[in-house]
Every structure is written in C-alpha cells, then in structure tokens.
Amino acid sequence: TSEIEENRLLEHRLIYGYYPEVVIKTGEEKETLRLLSENYLYKDIFTLETIKKPAILEKLIQALSLRLGNEVSYHEIGQLIGIDNQTVEKYIGLLEKAFIIFRLSSLSRNVRNELKKSRKIYFIDNGIRNAVIKNFNPLSLRQDTGALWENFLISERMKANHYSGRWVNQYFWRTHAQQEIDYIEEYDGKLHAYEFKWNPTKRYRIPKTFLNAYPESETAIITKENFVDFIS
C-alpha cells in the first residue's frame, strides 16, 4: 500500500488492527474480530496449559485492555479480579506466549527517581484489544485514541524489527515526577528515544532530565506525518 493509502487507512488500522483476515474481509471486520477473540484467542493458551479458571483469564485480558498505555501493577490487577500476584504473572506469561500481548519494562540506569521495576503491557494487535472491550467506535467518539496510537506504533514497530532481523532492547522511561518517554530502543550501543503524538498541534519536548542522563541518545517525535517510516 502507498503512503497516501496508508494514511487514509490509519484510523481503520487503529480500530480494527492488522490481522490478515480483518484486512482481507472488508466490511466484516467486527464479526471477524469477534470470532478471532472468542474462539481462536484462547485456544492457543489452553493448549499451552490447563487453565483452571478460564473466566479469570477473560477478566484479566479485559483489565489489561483498559490499562492500555499505562503502567500495570500485578498486585492491583490481582485484587481487582480476585487472584494472587503469582497467578497474574503466570497468566500474563501465557498471554505473551500465545502472542496476544507483550510487556515493556522501564529503563532505569542513571537517574535516582527513575521508575525501577515498572512495566506496561501492550496488545500485539489493536483490533483484538478493541474486540475484548467491545468498542469499535470511531476515533472522534473515543477517549483512548492516544493509547491506541501508542499500541499501534509499538506493536507494528516490533513486528517490523522482527521481520527485518533488527535485534533491539525495548523500554519506556518514567520518573516519579511523571516525566516520561513512550518508547526507547537500544541497539548498536545507543539509546533511541521516541515520543508518539497523535495531535500534531501540541508542542512537545523530550524531558531535560532524560537528555542530561543519557546525552548520547538520539530522539524523535513520531506523528501521523512520519509514522510510515517508523513501522517499515
């Protein structure tokens, strides 16, 4: 698809994702995703391990869907759905093995108030995430556009890295003072920091704390205008 076409399709991708069946069956996206999320999604997990409480797994996926783009506490989620931390972590590991979600850890090396052991969880595909919460509203009616944009860019970048054989370490960065960077890659001995902005009119600067702590790092802001190169 050309760049112009890709931009036109962007809203569609943020809502319905990139599963081949979804891309091919135009007009049947919701039904295709419903079948994918209800039937095939859990099948892989159940072949990996005997799950004693399938309903808990469903609650867990919903809880993760609603925390998209935010830090995730195993303890909080465990309390919310009624299981212990270890089970939360185990089930998240299974969801990762089944290529439904993936984890991003926080980078902490130089700054005293960096978050040390924090993590965010993203979905391999935006469409599956929206199917889980049964929300296919257009972006104009949504509160989570920023999170969908972030999930889309990180998951598609991860796939692009995989297909092109680029080996990278992936992080996000945040301090206790709420300064943050959406996404960081480390390769060739260097940090590359990316901030994702859906609304191009909002001014944004990479935090000075980060630039002072990691002066050798390269930085970029990814918008609707330049995202195609980022996910290629």
Protein backbone atom coordinates (compact mmCIF):
# COMPACT_ATOMS: atom_id res chain seq x y z
CA THR A 1 0.00 0.00 0.00
CA SER A 2 1.21 3.51 -0.82
CA GLU A 3 1.87 6.15 1.84
CA ILE A 4 -1.27 8.13 0.90
CA GLU A 5 -3.38 4.98 1.10
CA GLU A 6 -1.75 4.01 4.41
CA ASN A 7 -2.64 7.36 5.96
CA ARG A 8 -6.23 7.04 4.75
CA LEU A 9 -6.43 3.60 6.31
CA LEU A 10 -4.80 4.70 9.55
CA GLU A 11 -7.98 5.22 11.57
CA HIS A 12 -9.24 1.85 10.34
CA ARG A 13 -5.99 0.17 11.48
CA LEU A 14 -6.12 1.81 14.92
CA ILE A 15 -9.62 0.44 15.47
CA TYR A 16 -9.64 -2.88 13.61
CA GLY A 17 -5.94 -3.77 13.58
CA TYR A 18 -3.84 -5.67 11.09
CA TYR A 19 -4.91 -9.32 11.26
CA PRO A 20 -4.83 -10.64 7.65
CA GLU A 21 -8.44 -11.90 7.88
CA VAL A 22 -9.57 -8.44 9.01
CA VAL A 23 -7.67 -6.65 6.24
CA ILE A 24 -9.00 -9.00 3.53
CA LYS A 25 -12.66 -9.18 4.60
CA THR A 26 -13.62 -5.53 4.17
CA GLY A 27 -16.97 -4.75 5.76
CA GLU A 28 -16.85 -7.81 8.03
CA GLU A 29 -14.27 -6.52 10.50
CA LYS A 30 -16.39 -6.68 13.66
CA GLU A 31 -17.63 -10.20 13.03
CA THR A 32 -14.14 -11.43 12.07
CA LEU A 33 -12.64 -9.95 15.24
CA ARG A 34 -15.46 -11.32 17.37
CA LEU A 35 -14.71 -14.83 16.07
CA LEU A 36 -10.97 -14.33 16.49
CA SER A 37 -11.27 -13.02 20.04
CA GLU A 38 -13.87 -15.54 21.21
CA ASN A 39 -12.64 -18.73 19.54
CA TYR A 40 -9.02 -18.66 18.46
CA LEU A 41 -7.63 -16.30 21.07
CA TYR A 42 -7.87 -18.70 23.99
CA LYS A 43 -7.38 -21.93 22.06
CA ASP A 44 -3.59 -21.46 21.94
CA ILE A 45 -3.44 -20.75 25.65
CA PHE A 46 -5.47 -23.81 26.55
CA THR A 47 -3.10 -25.98 24.50
CA LEU A 48 -0.14 -24.45 26.38
CA GLU A 49 -1.50 -25.17 29.82
CA THR A 50 -4.55 -26.39 31.68
CA ILE A 51 -6.32 -23.27 32.88
CA LYS A 52 -8.40 -23.98 35.96
CA LYS A 53 -10.47 -20.81 35.67
CA PRO A 54 -10.98 -19.66 32.06
CA ALA A 55 -13.31 -16.86 33.24
CA ILE A 56 -10.43 -15.34 35.23
CA LEU A 57 -8.31 -15.25 32.09
CA GLU A 58 -11.04 -13.32 30.31
CA LYS A 59 -11.28 -10.84 33.20
CA LEU A 60 -7.50 -10.45 33.13
CA ILE A 61 -7.46 -9.64 29.40
CA GLN A 62 -10.22 -7.08 29.93
CA ALA A 63 -8.35 -5.47 32.82
CA LEU A 64 -5.19 -5.24 30.69
CA SER A 65 -7.20 -3.80 27.77
CA LEU A 66 -8.48 -1.00 29.96
CA ARG A 67 -4.95 -0.18 31.18
CA LEU A 68 -3.51 0.16 27.69
CA GLY A 69 -0.60 2.61 27.67
CA ASN A 70 -0.48 2.77 31.49
CA GLU A 71 1.79 1.05 33.97
CA VAL A 72 0.46 -2.25 35.22
CA SER A 73 0.63 -3.47 38.82
CA TYR A 74 0.20 -7.23 39.22
CA HIS A 75 -0.97 -6.62 42.77
CA GLU A 76 -3.72 -4.17 41.75
CA ILE A 77 -4.95 -6.41 38.94
CA GLY A 78 -4.89 -9.43 41.25
CA GLN A 79 -7.04 -7.61 43.78
CA LEU A 80 -9.42 -6.44 41.08
CA ILE A 81 -10.10 -9.90 39.63
CA GLY A 82 -9.54 -11.96 42.78
CA ILE A 83 -6.29 -13.86 42.22
CA ASP A 84 -2.78 -13.59 43.69
CA ASN A 85 0.19 -11.80 42.11
CA GLN A 86 1.90 -15.03 41.06
CA THR A 87 -1.18 -16.19 39.13
CA VAL A 88 -1.47 -12.79 37.44
CA GLU A 89 2.16 -13.01 36.35
CA LYS A 90 1.76 -16.62 35.21
CA TYR A 91 -1.34 -15.85 33.13
CA ILE A 92 0.31 -12.77 31.63
CA GLY A 93 3.23 -15.01 30.66
CA LEU A 94 0.80 -17.38 28.92
CA LEU A 95 -0.88 -14.50 27.07
CA GLU A 96 2.59 -13.44 25.94
CA LYS A 97 3.46 -16.94 24.71
CA ALA A 98 0.20 -17.04 22.75
CA PHE A 99 1.19 -13.74 21.02
CA ILE A 100 -1.76 -11.78 22.38
CA ILE A 101 0.17 -9.26 24.50
CA PHE A 102 3.77 -8.25 25.23
CA ARG A 103 5.50 -6.48 28.11
CA LEU A 104 7.66 -3.38 28.07
CA SER A 105 9.95 -2.72 31.06
CA SER A 106 11.07 0.64 32.37
CA LEU A 107 14.61 1.84 31.63
CA SER A 108 16.49 2.78 34.79
CA ARG A 109 20.23 3.31 34.88
CA ASN A 110 21.26 6.84 35.70
CA VAL A 111 18.58 8.92 37.37
CA ARG A 112 17.75 8.49 41.04
CA ASN A 113 14.00 8.98 40.68
CA GLU A 114 13.52 6.77 37.61
CA LEU A 115 10.88 4.07 38.00
CA LYS A 116 12.87 0.90 38.58
CA LYS A 117 10.72 -2.19 38.15
CA SER A 118 7.72 -0.87 36.34
CA ARG A 119 6.10 -2.40 33.28
CA LYS A 120 3.50 -1.61 30.62
CA ILE A 121 1.53 -4.16 28.65
CA TYR A 122 0.55 -3.80 25.01
CA PHE A 123 -1.50 -5.90 22.62
CA ILE A 124 0.05 -7.49 19.53
CA ASP A 125 -2.96 -6.17 17.59
CA ASN A 126 -5.25 -3.16 18.12
CA GLY A 127 -8.30 -4.97 16.73
CA ILE A 128 -8.08 -7.77 19.29
CA ARG A 129 -7.77 -5.23 22.09
CA ASN A 130 -10.87 -3.37 20.93
CA ALA A 131 -12.76 -6.65 20.45
CA VAL A 132 -12.01 -7.59 24.07
CA ILE A 133 -13.67 -4.39 25.34
CA LYS A 134 -16.29 -4.49 22.53
CA ASN A 135 -15.58 -0.92 21.44
CA PHE A 136 -15.24 -0.21 17.71
CA ASN A 137 -16.33 3.43 17.93
CA PRO A 138 -14.66 5.91 15.54
CA LEU A 139 -11.78 7.94 16.98
CA SER A 140 -13.97 11.06 17.23
CA LEU A 141 -16.06 9.28 19.90
CA ARG A 142 -13.20 7.72 21.87
CA GLN A 143 -11.23 8.69 24.97
CA ASP A 144 -8.39 6.24 24.27
CA THR A 145 -7.03 7.46 20.91
CA GLY A 146 -3.61 8.27 22.39
CA ALA A 147 -3.31 4.77 23.85
CA LEU A 148 -4.43 3.15 20.56
CA TRP A 149 -1.84 5.21 18.66
CA GLU A 150 0.88 4.16 21.10
CA ASN A 151 -0.14 0.48 20.97
CA PHE A 152 -0.30 0.53 17.17
CA LEU A 153 3.14 2.13 16.75
CA ILE A 154 4.95 -0.05 19.30
CA SER A 155 3.39 -3.33 18.13
CA GLU A 156 3.94 -2.60 14.42
CA ARG A 157 7.50 -1.41 15.09
CA MET A 158 8.15 -4.63 16.98
CA LYS A 159 6.88 -6.68 14.01
CA ALA A 160 8.98 -4.59 11.57
CA ASN A 161 12.09 -5.17 13.72
CA HIS A 162 11.35 -8.89 13.80
CA TYR A 163 10.81 -9.20 10.03
CA SER A 164 13.93 -7.22 9.17
CA GLY A 165 16.11 -9.09 11.67
CA ARG A 166 16.84 -6.00 13.83
CA TRP A 167 17.71 -7.03 17.39
CA VAL A 168 16.79 -4.33 19.89
CA ASN A 169 16.12 -3.94 23.60
CA GLN A 170 12.83 -2.15 24.21
CA TYR A 171 11.82 0.07 27.12
CA PHE A 172 9.72 3.01 28.22
CA TRP A 173 11.05 5.66 30.62
CA ARG A 174 9.40 7.44 33.50
CA THR A 175 10.37 9.29 36.67
CA HIS A 176 8.47 9.65 39.93
CA ALA A 177 7.94 13.29 38.90
CA GLN A 178 5.82 11.99 35.96
CA GLN A 179 8.31 12.85 33.22
CA GLU A 180 8.14 10.16 30.59
CA ILE A 181 9.12 8.87 27.17
CA ASP A 182 6.76 6.49 25.38
CA TYR A 183 9.27 4.15 23.82
CA ILE A 184 13.02 3.53 23.75
CA GLU A 185 15.10 1.13 21.67
CA GLU A 186 18.68 0.20 22.41
CA TYR A 187 20.80 -1.07 19.54
CA ASP A 188 24.35 -0.57 18.28
CA GLY A 189 25.29 0.58 21.79
CA LYS A 190 22.96 3.57 21.66
CA LEU A 191 19.55 4.58 23.02
CA HIS A 192 16.92 5.83 20.57
CA ALA A 193 14.01 7.57 22.31
CA TYR A 194 10.61 8.08 20.65
CA GLU A 195 7.62 10.09 21.73
CA PHE A 196 4.30 9.44 19.98
CA LYS A 197 1.96 12.36 19.28
CA TRP A 198 -1.45 11.87 17.68
CA ASN A 199 -2.28 15.58 17.85
CA PRO A 200 0.47 17.39 15.89
CA THR A 201 -0.56 20.84 17.16
CA LYS A 202 0.51 20.02 20.73
CA ARG A 203 4.07 21.19 21.40
CA TYR A 204 6.31 18.58 22.96
CA ARG A 205 9.91 18.44 24.13
CA ILE A 206 11.89 15.41 25.26
CA PRO A 207 12.41 15.87 29.06
CA LYS A 208 15.71 17.55 30.00
CA THR A 209 16.19 15.03 32.82
CA PHE A 210 16.40 12.28 30.21
CA LEU A 211 18.71 14.21 27.87
CA ASN A 212 21.04 15.05 30.77
CA ALA A 213 21.10 11.45 31.99
CA TYR A 214 21.57 9.96 28.50
CA PRO A 215 23.32 12.67 26.46
CA GLU A 216 24.38 10.24 23.72
CA SER A 217 20.80 9.17 22.96
CA GLU A 218 19.00 10.02 19.73
CA THR A 219 15.43 11.32 19.96
CA ALA A 220 12.47 11.62 17.59
CA ILE A 221 8.80 12.53 17.75
CA ILE A 222 6.52 10.25 15.72
CA THR A 223 3.33 11.76 14.27
CA LYS A 224 0.78 10.92 11.56
CA GLU A 225 3.12 12.69 9.13
CA ASN A 226 6.19 10.48 9.65
CA PHE A 227 4.94 7.20 11.16
CA VAL A 228 5.18 5.10 7.97
CA ASP A 229 9.00 5.01 8.06
CA PHE A 230 8.91 4.13 11.76
CA ILE A 231 6.83 0.98 11.24
CA SER A 232 8.53 -0.11 7.99
